[in-house]
Amino acid sequence: MMRNWKNVIGIEALLAAVLATAPALAAAPEDPPKPDKVDKVLEKLKDLDTKLGALETIKRDIASLQAELKLLQQNTTGEIKDLKDRNDKLEARLKELEGQLNQIAKTRIANFPPAGATGRVRLRNSFTRPARVIINERSYPLEPGQSADISNLPVGALSYEVIVDGWGIVQPRTTVMLLAESLRTIEIYSR
């Protein structure tokens, strides 16, 4: 039974606490707000409205910029693809030209003789007078009917002229190509 009394006393104490605080909760509302406070609130609302409008403008600007950026990316992507295609074509052409150059290099004929290569010249005087043949600024005298072989002449350009005693220059200075391991004949005869 003691237990029941404790419950009854606890419930009565709780009820008394609720009733004691009830008038405080049901108290009259505060005085109506003063006009100064209302004006300040209205100003803040207008300021928030202005800021909200600015945010909407910024939002539209961002959307516009995103659309422009997307277009630029598409254009740039197309241009990059074009550049890559062009680069691929140039690389293919370069490889083709390298192949052609390698083929030419395999079959190339040099315009200059190998270093140290020599040739020979045979001189023959079929004329009735003594003659001189000047080969590369060096004179070779020949008696009538005489022949001479000149060896170890450098291959390449060979200049010569023929002078016959009593006749003067019968062959003006001439330049010919002397090939390696070849024999070139210069004959002096009556014309």
Protein backbone atom coordinates (compact mmCIF):
# COMPACT_ATOMS: atom_id res chain seq x y z
CA MET A 1 0.00 0.00 0.00
CA MET A 2 2.85 2.23 0.56
CA ARG A 3 3.67 1.97 -3.01
CA ASN A 4 0.29 3.33 -4.07
CA TRP A 5 0.65 6.40 -1.83
CA LYS A 6 3.93 7.22 -3.45
CA ASN A 7 2.29 7.15 -6.86
CA VAL A 8 -0.60 9.35 -5.72
CA ILE A 9 1.72 11.91 -4.13
CA GLY A 10 3.93 11.94 -7.27
CA ILE A 11 0.97 12.57 -9.57
CA GLU A 12 -0.37 15.38 -7.34
CA ALA A 13 3.04 17.05 -7.27
CA LEU A 14 3.30 16.88 -11.04
CA LEU A 15 -0.21 18.32 -11.42
CA ALA A 16 0.60 21.18 -9.05
CA ALA A 17 3.79 22.01 -11.04
CA VAL A 18 1.88 22.09 -14.31
CA LEU A 19 -0.82 24.37 -12.91
CA ALA A 20 1.77 26.68 -11.39
CA THR A 21 3.52 27.22 -14.70
CA ALA A 22 0.37 27.41 -16.83
CA PRO A 23 -0.33 31.08 -16.17
CA ALA A 24 3.20 31.95 -17.33
CA LEU A 25 2.60 30.18 -20.62
CA ALA A 26 -0.77 31.75 -21.11
CA ALA A 27 0.49 35.24 -20.40
CA ALA A 28 -0.53 38.02 -22.73
CA PRO A 29 1.52 38.62 -25.87
CA GLU A 30 4.13 41.34 -25.89
CA ASP A 31 3.32 44.80 -27.01
CA PRO A 32 2.91 45.17 -30.79
CA PRO A 33 6.21 45.94 -32.58
CA LYS A 34 7.16 49.54 -32.86
CA PRO A 35 7.16 51.23 -36.31
CA ASP A 36 10.97 51.62 -36.17
CA LYS A 37 11.42 47.90 -35.91
CA VAL A 38 8.95 47.32 -38.77
CA ASP A 39 10.85 49.75 -41.02
CA LYS A 40 14.14 48.02 -40.26
CA VAL A 41 12.64 44.64 -41.05
CA LEU A 42 11.20 46.01 -44.32
CA GLU A 43 14.60 47.46 -45.25
CA LYS A 44 16.24 44.13 -44.58
CA LEU A 45 13.59 42.39 -46.68
CA LYS A 46 14.19 44.83 -49.56
CA ASP A 47 17.95 44.33 -49.23
CA LEU A 48 17.46 40.56 -49.31
CA ASP A 49 15.18 40.93 -52.34
CA THR A 50 17.85 43.00 -54.16
CA LYS A 51 20.50 40.47 -53.29
CA LEU A 52 18.24 37.65 -54.44
CA GLY A 53 17.73 39.46 -57.78
CA ALA A 54 21.51 39.84 -58.14
CA LEU A 55 21.94 36.15 -57.39
CA GLU A 56 19.37 35.31 -60.09
CA THR A 57 21.31 37.48 -62.57
CA ILE A 58 24.55 35.75 -61.61
CA LYS A 59 22.85 32.38 -62.02
CA ARG A 60 21.69 33.34 -65.56
CA ASP A 61 25.19 34.63 -66.40
CA ILE A 62 26.76 31.38 -65.20
CA ALA A 63 24.32 29.36 -67.28
CA SER A 64 25.15 31.51 -70.34
CA LEU A 65 28.89 31.10 -69.72
CA GLN A 66 28.47 27.35 -69.36
CA ALA A 67 26.68 27.21 -72.71
CA GLU A 68 29.44 29.28 -74.36
CA LEU A 69 32.09 27.09 -72.77
CA LYS A 70 30.37 23.98 -74.09
CA LEU A 71 30.33 25.46 -77.62
CA LEU A 72 34.00 26.42 -77.33
CA GLN A 73 34.87 22.91 -76.16
CA GLN A 74 33.02 21.41 -79.13
CA ASN A 75 34.79 23.75 -81.56
CA THR A 76 38.15 23.13 -79.91
CA THR A 77 37.60 19.39 -79.99
CA GLY A 78 36.85 19.60 -83.72
CA GLU A 79 39.92 21.74 -84.36
CA ILE A 80 42.13 19.39 -82.34
CA LYS A 81 40.79 16.44 -84.32
CA ASP A 82 41.55 18.30 -87.57
CA LEU A 83 45.09 19.05 -86.36
CA LYS A 84 45.62 15.42 -85.36
CA ASP A 85 44.40 14.24 -88.79
CA ARG A 86 46.70 16.72 -90.49
CA ASN A 87 49.62 15.65 -88.32
CA ASP A 88 48.95 11.99 -89.15
CA LYS A 89 48.91 12.80 -92.88
CA LEU A 90 52.17 14.75 -92.57
CA GLU A 91 53.83 11.89 -90.68
CA ALA A 92 52.68 9.41 -93.32
CA ARG A 93 54.02 11.66 -96.08
CA LEU A 94 57.31 12.07 -94.20
CA LYS A 95 57.68 8.29 -93.91
CA GLU A 96 56.93 7.96 -97.62
CA LEU A 97 59.58 10.56 -98.47
CA GLU A 98 62.10 8.89 -96.16
CA GLY A 99 61.48 5.60 -97.98
CA GLN A 100 62.00 7.30 -101.33
CA LEU A 101 65.16 8.97 -100.05
CA ASN A 102 66.50 5.61 -98.84
CA GLN A 103 65.82 4.12 -102.29
CA ILE A 104 67.66 7.01 -103.94
CA ALA A 105 70.56 6.68 -101.50
CA LYS A 106 70.94 3.01 -102.46
CA THR A 107 71.16 3.81 -106.18
CA ARG A 108 72.89 7.21 -105.95
CA ILE A 109 75.82 7.84 -108.26
CA ALA A 110 78.34 10.26 -106.85
CA ASN A 111 79.28 13.27 -108.91
CA PHE A 112 82.73 13.19 -107.40
CA PRO A 113 85.24 10.41 -107.77
CA PRO A 114 86.34 8.36 -104.81
CA ALA A 115 89.24 9.87 -102.89
CA GLY A 116 92.61 8.81 -104.28
CA ALA A 117 91.20 7.57 -107.62
CA THR A 118 93.34 8.22 -110.68
CA GLY A 119 93.06 8.03 -114.44
CA ARG A 120 95.41 7.94 -117.45
CA VAL A 121 95.91 10.12 -120.52
CA ARG A 122 97.58 8.91 -123.74
CA LEU A 123 99.26 11.65 -125.79
CA ARG A 124 99.95 10.99 -129.51
CA ASN A 125 101.63 13.45 -131.90
CA SER A 126 100.71 12.51 -135.49
CA PHE A 127 101.79 15.92 -136.75
CA THR A 128 105.10 16.67 -138.55
CA ARG A 129 106.25 19.25 -136.03
CA PRO A 130 107.07 19.10 -132.30
CA ALA A 131 104.13 19.90 -129.97
CA ARG A 132 103.41 20.49 -126.31
CA VAL A 133 100.31 19.41 -124.45
CA ILE A 134 99.61 21.35 -121.25
CA ILE A 135 97.54 19.25 -118.85
CA ASN A 136 96.39 20.88 -115.61
CA GLU A 137 99.09 23.56 -115.94
CA ARG A 138 101.90 21.05 -116.59
CA SER A 139 103.60 20.84 -119.98
CA TYR A 140 104.34 17.54 -121.78
CA PRO A 141 106.56 17.90 -124.92
CA LEU A 142 106.09 15.46 -127.85
CA GLU A 143 108.28 15.00 -130.95
CA PRO A 144 106.60 14.17 -134.28
CA GLY A 145 105.26 10.59 -134.22
CA GLN A 146 105.87 10.22 -130.46
CA SER A 147 103.32 8.84 -127.96
CA ALA A 148 103.36 9.07 -124.18
CA ASP A 149 101.14 7.72 -121.43
CA ILE A 150 100.64 9.88 -118.36
CA SER A 151 99.46 7.97 -115.30
CA ASN A 152 98.24 8.87 -111.82
CA LEU A 153 96.31 11.96 -112.89
CA PRO A 154 93.57 12.87 -110.42
CA VAL A 155 90.12 12.01 -111.68
CA GLY A 156 87.58 14.74 -112.20
CA ALA A 157 88.00 17.91 -114.23
CA LEU A 158 90.96 17.72 -116.63
CA SER A 159 91.92 20.86 -118.54
CA TYR A 160 94.34 20.77 -121.47
CA GLU A 161 95.50 22.74 -124.48
CA VAL A 162 97.74 21.84 -127.45
CA ILE A 163 100.51 24.06 -128.87
CA VAL A 164 102.40 23.12 -132.05
CA ASP A 165 105.77 24.74 -132.86
CA GLY A 166 105.34 27.24 -135.70
CA TRP A 167 101.54 26.98 -135.57
CA GLY A 168 100.75 28.20 -132.05
CA ILE A 169 97.69 27.00 -130.17
CA VAL A 170 95.86 24.41 -132.26
CA GLN A 171 93.55 23.30 -129.45
CA PRO A 172 92.47 26.05 -127.03
CA ARG A 173 92.07 25.21 -123.35
CA THR A 174 89.37 22.56 -122.98
CA THR A 175 88.02 20.91 -119.84
CA VAL A 176 86.80 17.32 -119.85
CA MET A 177 86.04 14.73 -117.16
CA LEU A 178 88.67 12.13 -116.45
CA LEU A 179 87.07 9.02 -114.99
CA ALA A 180 88.69 6.58 -112.58
CA GLU A 181 90.50 3.67 -114.16
CA SER A 182 89.88 5.12 -117.64
CA LEU A 183 92.18 6.08 -120.52
CA ARG A 184 91.61 9.34 -122.42
CA THR A 185 93.55 9.93 -125.65
CA ILE A 186 94.65 13.35 -126.88
CA GLU A 187 95.88 13.17 -130.48
CA ILE A 188 97.67 15.92 -132.35
CA TYR A 189 97.13 15.71 -136.14
CA SER A 190 96.91 18.04 -139.09
CA ARG A 191 93.54 19.60 -139.65
